[in-house]
Amino acid sequence: MQSNPVRVSFFRLDSGREPVREWLKSLRKEQRKAIGEDIKTLQFGWPVGMPLVRKLADDLCELRSDIPNGIARTFVTILDDQIVLLHGFVKKTMKIPPKELAVAKRRLARLRS
């Protein structure tokens, strides 16, 4: 683990809302704790590979969290030496639902524009 953590930020909509922060707040405490520990591992250990982080595209990765009663995915990107949390959801199927991936890709494109 590196001594200087990589800065983590939330993707912010034009309205000022931070969807990933809101999603995390909607989860139960033990679920938030599990995801938070994985974000901390990512922050202090970047770059991190499988099984915690899987690369999906050039600038898009999924943080894979096992949470009580489920599996959570948080889509992240690295921008200007910081980790940006783009989108999060609790998985209900083996594959990533296309609509969830589309949200992350839209936010990534918006971040880059």
C-alpha atoms as a PDB file:
ATOM      1  CA  MET A   1       0.000   0.000   0.000  1.00  0.00           C
ATOM      2  CA  GLN A   2       1.176   3.464  -0.790  1.00  0.00           C
ATOM      3  CA  SER A   3       1.548   6.005   2.007  1.00  0.00           C
ATOM      4  CA  ASN A   4      -0.053   8.842   0.044  1.00  0.00           C
ATOM      5  CA  PRO A   5      -3.608   7.909  -0.862  1.00  0.00           C
ATOM      6  CA  VAL A   6      -5.067   8.777  -4.242  1.00  0.00           C
ATOM      7  CA  ARG A   7      -7.744  11.429  -3.823  1.00  0.00           C
ATOM      8  CA  VAL A   8     -11.311  10.157  -4.271  1.00  0.00           C
ATOM      9  CA  SER A   9     -14.169  12.354  -5.472  1.00  0.00           C
ATOM     10  CA  PHE A  10     -17.788  11.914  -6.440  1.00  0.00           C
ATOM     11  CA  PHE A  11     -19.082  12.665  -9.923  1.00  0.00           C
ATOM     12  CA  ARG A  12     -21.266  15.768  -9.633  1.00  0.00           C
ATOM     13  CA  LEU A  13     -24.247  16.618 -11.824  1.00  0.00           C
ATOM     14  CA  ASP A  14     -24.818  20.205 -12.994  1.00  0.00           C
ATOM     15  CA  SER A  15     -27.490  20.448 -10.283  1.00  0.00           C
ATOM     16  CA  GLY A  16     -24.789  19.770  -7.667  1.00  0.00           C
ATOM     17  CA  ARG A  17     -26.171  16.331  -6.800  1.00  0.00           C
ATOM     18  CA  GLU A  18     -23.684  13.499  -6.288  1.00  0.00           C
ATOM     19  CA  PRO A  19     -25.502  10.306  -7.352  1.00  0.00           C
ATOM     20  CA  VAL A  20     -22.953   7.861  -5.907  1.00  0.00           C
ATOM     21  CA  ARG A  21     -22.969   9.611  -2.522  1.00  0.00           C
ATOM     22  CA  GLU A  22     -26.798   9.502  -2.552  1.00  0.00           C
ATOM     23  CA  TRP A  23     -26.743   5.808  -3.516  1.00  0.00           C
ATOM     24  CA  LEU A  24     -24.325   5.000  -0.698  1.00  0.00           C
ATOM     25  CA  LYS A  25     -26.500   6.858   1.816  1.00  0.00           C
ATOM     26  CA  SER A  26     -29.500   4.786   0.678  1.00  0.00           C
ATOM     27  CA  LEU A  27     -27.756   1.518   1.613  1.00  0.00           C
ATOM     28  CA  ARG A  28     -27.730  -0.150   5.004  1.00  0.00           C
ATOM     29  CA  LYS A  29     -24.860   0.715   7.336  1.00  0.00           C
ATOM     30  CA  GLU A  30     -23.085  -2.645   6.943  1.00  0.00           C
ATOM     31  CA  GLN A  31     -23.324  -2.382   3.141  1.00  0.00           C
ATOM     32  CA  ARG A  32     -21.870   1.148   3.177  1.00  0.00           C
ATOM     33  CA  LYS A  33     -19.070  -0.050   5.442  1.00  0.00           C
ATOM     34  CA  ALA A  34     -18.102  -2.888   3.076  1.00  0.00           C
ATOM     35  CA  ILE A  35     -18.061  -0.585   0.035  1.00  0.00           C
ATOM     36  CA  GLY A  36     -16.189   2.100   1.984  1.00  0.00           C
ATOM     37  CA  GLU A  37     -13.481  -0.389   2.940  1.00  0.00           C
ATOM     38  CA  ASP A  38     -13.088  -1.358  -0.721  1.00  0.00           C
ATOM     39  CA  ILE A  39     -12.858   2.308  -1.762  1.00  0.00           C
ATOM     40  CA  LYS A  40     -10.164   2.789   0.897  1.00  0.00           C
ATOM     41  CA  THR A  41      -8.246  -0.236  -0.433  1.00  0.00           C
ATOM     42  CA  LEU A  42      -8.476   1.270  -3.919  1.00  0.00           C
ATOM     43  CA  GLN A  43      -7.388   4.670  -2.636  1.00  0.00           C
ATOM     44  CA  PHE A  44      -4.337   3.402  -0.767  1.00  0.00           C
ATOM     45  CA  GLY A  45      -3.389   0.607  -3.161  1.00  0.00           C
ATOM     46  CA  TRP A  46      -3.916   2.064  -6.646  1.00  0.00           C
ATOM     47  CA  PRO A  47      -3.419   0.458  -9.091  1.00  0.00           C
ATOM     48  CA  VAL A  48      -5.441  -2.537  -7.906  1.00  0.00           C
ATOM     49  CA  GLY A  49      -6.490  -5.502 -10.041  1.00  0.00           C
ATOM     50  CA  MET A  50      -8.837  -8.450  -9.774  1.00  0.00           C
ATOM     51  CA  PRO A  51     -10.716  -9.550  -7.816  1.00  0.00           C
ATOM     52  CA  LEU A  52     -11.372  -6.051  -6.402  1.00  0.00           C
ATOM     53  CA  VAL A  53     -11.091  -3.981  -9.592  1.00  0.00           C
ATOM     54  CA  ARG A  54     -11.860  -5.023 -13.145  1.00  0.00           C
ATOM     55  CA  LYS A  55     -11.053  -2.879 -16.160  1.00  0.00           C
ATOM     56  CA  LEU A  56     -14.075  -2.478 -18.454  1.00  0.00           C
ATOM     57  CA  ALA A  57     -12.743   0.036 -20.996  1.00  0.00           C
ATOM     58  CA  ASP A  58      -9.722   2.296 -21.448  1.00  0.00           C
ATOM     59  CA  ASP A  59     -10.767   4.727 -18.730  1.00  0.00           C
ATOM     60  CA  LEU A  60     -13.490   2.799 -16.926  1.00  0.00           C
ATOM     61  CA  CYS A  61     -13.193   0.239 -14.135  1.00  0.00           C
ATOM     62  CA  GLU A  62     -15.610  -1.456 -11.791  1.00  0.00           C
ATOM     63  CA  LEU A  63     -14.965  -1.725  -8.073  1.00  0.00           C
ATOM     64  CA  ARG A  64     -16.366  -5.113  -7.070  1.00  0.00           C
ATOM     65  CA  SER A  65     -17.710  -5.180  -3.513  1.00  0.00           C
ATOM     66  CA  ASP A  66     -19.219  -8.122  -1.693  1.00  0.00           C
ATOM     67  CA  ILE A  67     -21.817  -6.670   0.625  1.00  0.00           C
ATOM     68  CA  PRO A  68     -24.196  -8.309   3.090  1.00  0.00           C
ATOM     69  CA  ASN A  69     -27.052  -9.795   1.049  1.00  0.00           C
ATOM     70  CA  GLY A  70     -25.595  -8.892  -2.326  1.00  0.00           C
ATOM     71  CA  ILE A  71     -22.906  -7.670  -4.652  1.00  0.00           C
ATOM     72  CA  ALA A  72     -22.281  -3.987  -5.305  1.00  0.00           C
ATOM     73  CA  ARG A  73     -20.515  -2.403  -8.245  1.00  0.00           C
ATOM     74  CA  THR A  74     -19.100   1.103  -8.323  1.00  0.00           C
ATOM     75  CA  PHE A  75     -17.865   2.387 -11.673  1.00  0.00           C
ATOM     76  CA  VAL A  76     -14.747   4.534 -11.359  1.00  0.00           C
ATOM     77  CA  THR A  77     -12.292   6.403 -13.544  1.00  0.00           C
ATOM     78  CA  ILE A  78      -8.944   8.077 -12.946  1.00  0.00           C
ATOM     79  CA  LEU A  79      -8.880  11.745 -13.890  1.00  0.00           C
ATOM     80  CA  ASP A  80      -6.123  14.223 -13.017  1.00  0.00           C
ATOM     81  CA  ASP A  81      -4.562  11.825 -10.490  1.00  0.00           C
ATOM     82  CA  GLN A  82      -7.815  11.258  -8.629  1.00  0.00           C
ATOM     83  CA  ILE A  83     -10.354   8.456  -8.517  1.00  0.00           C
ATOM     84  CA  VAL A  84     -13.821   9.631  -9.549  1.00  0.00           C
ATOM     85  CA  LEU A  85     -16.802   7.534  -8.439  1.00  0.00           C
ATOM     86  CA  LEU A  86     -19.167   7.658 -11.430  1.00  0.00           C
ATOM     87  CA  HIS A  87     -22.050   5.290 -10.686  1.00  0.00           C
ATOM     88  CA  GLY A  88     -22.992   2.587  -8.228  1.00  0.00           C
ATOM     89  CA  PHE A  89     -25.610  -0.139  -8.006  1.00  0.00           C
ATOM     90  CA  VAL A  90     -26.369  -3.478  -6.369  1.00  0.00           C
ATOM     91  CA  LYS A  91     -26.122  -6.348  -8.854  1.00  0.00           C
ATOM     92  CA  LYS A  92     -29.033  -8.709  -9.250  1.00  0.00           C
ATOM     93  CA  THR A  93     -27.690 -10.738 -12.203  1.00  0.00           C
ATOM     94  CA  MET A  94     -24.341 -12.206 -13.239  1.00  0.00           C
ATOM     95  CA  LYS A  95     -23.807  -9.721 -16.078  1.00  0.00           C
ATOM     96  CA  ILE A  96     -23.581  -5.962 -15.752  1.00  0.00           C
ATOM     97  CA  PRO A  97     -26.970  -4.582 -16.813  1.00  0.00           C
ATOM     98  CA  PRO A  98     -26.457  -2.530 -20.008  1.00  0.00           C
ATOM     99  CA  LYS A  99     -28.398   0.444 -18.588  1.00  0.00           C
ATOM    100  CA  GLU A 100     -26.059   0.641 -15.573  1.00  0.00           C
ATOM    101  CA  LEU A 101     -22.986   0.589 -17.812  1.00  0.00           C
ATOM    102  CA  ALA A 102     -24.587   3.221 -20.065  1.00  0.00           C
ATOM    103  CA  VAL A 103     -25.035   5.572 -17.082  1.00  0.00           C
ATOM    104  CA  ALA A 104     -21.357   5.223 -16.172  1.00  0.00           C
ATOM    105  CA  LYS A 105     -20.240   5.791 -19.764  1.00  0.00           C
ATOM    106  CA  ARG A 106     -22.451   8.887 -20.095  1.00  0.00           C
ATOM    107  CA  ARG A 107     -21.019  10.337 -16.906  1.00  0.00           C
ATOM    108  CA  LEU A 108     -17.482   9.542 -18.012  1.00  0.00           C
ATOM    109  CA  ALA A 109     -18.074  11.297 -21.355  1.00  0.00           C
ATOM    110  CA  ARG A 110     -19.536  14.291 -19.549  1.00  0.00           C
ATOM    111  CA  LEU A 111     -16.564  14.429 -17.180  1.00  0.00           C
ATOM    112  CA  ARG A 112     -14.188  14.534 -20.145  1.00  0.00           C
ATOM    113  CA  SER A 113     -16.071  17.267 -22.057  1.00  0.00           C
END
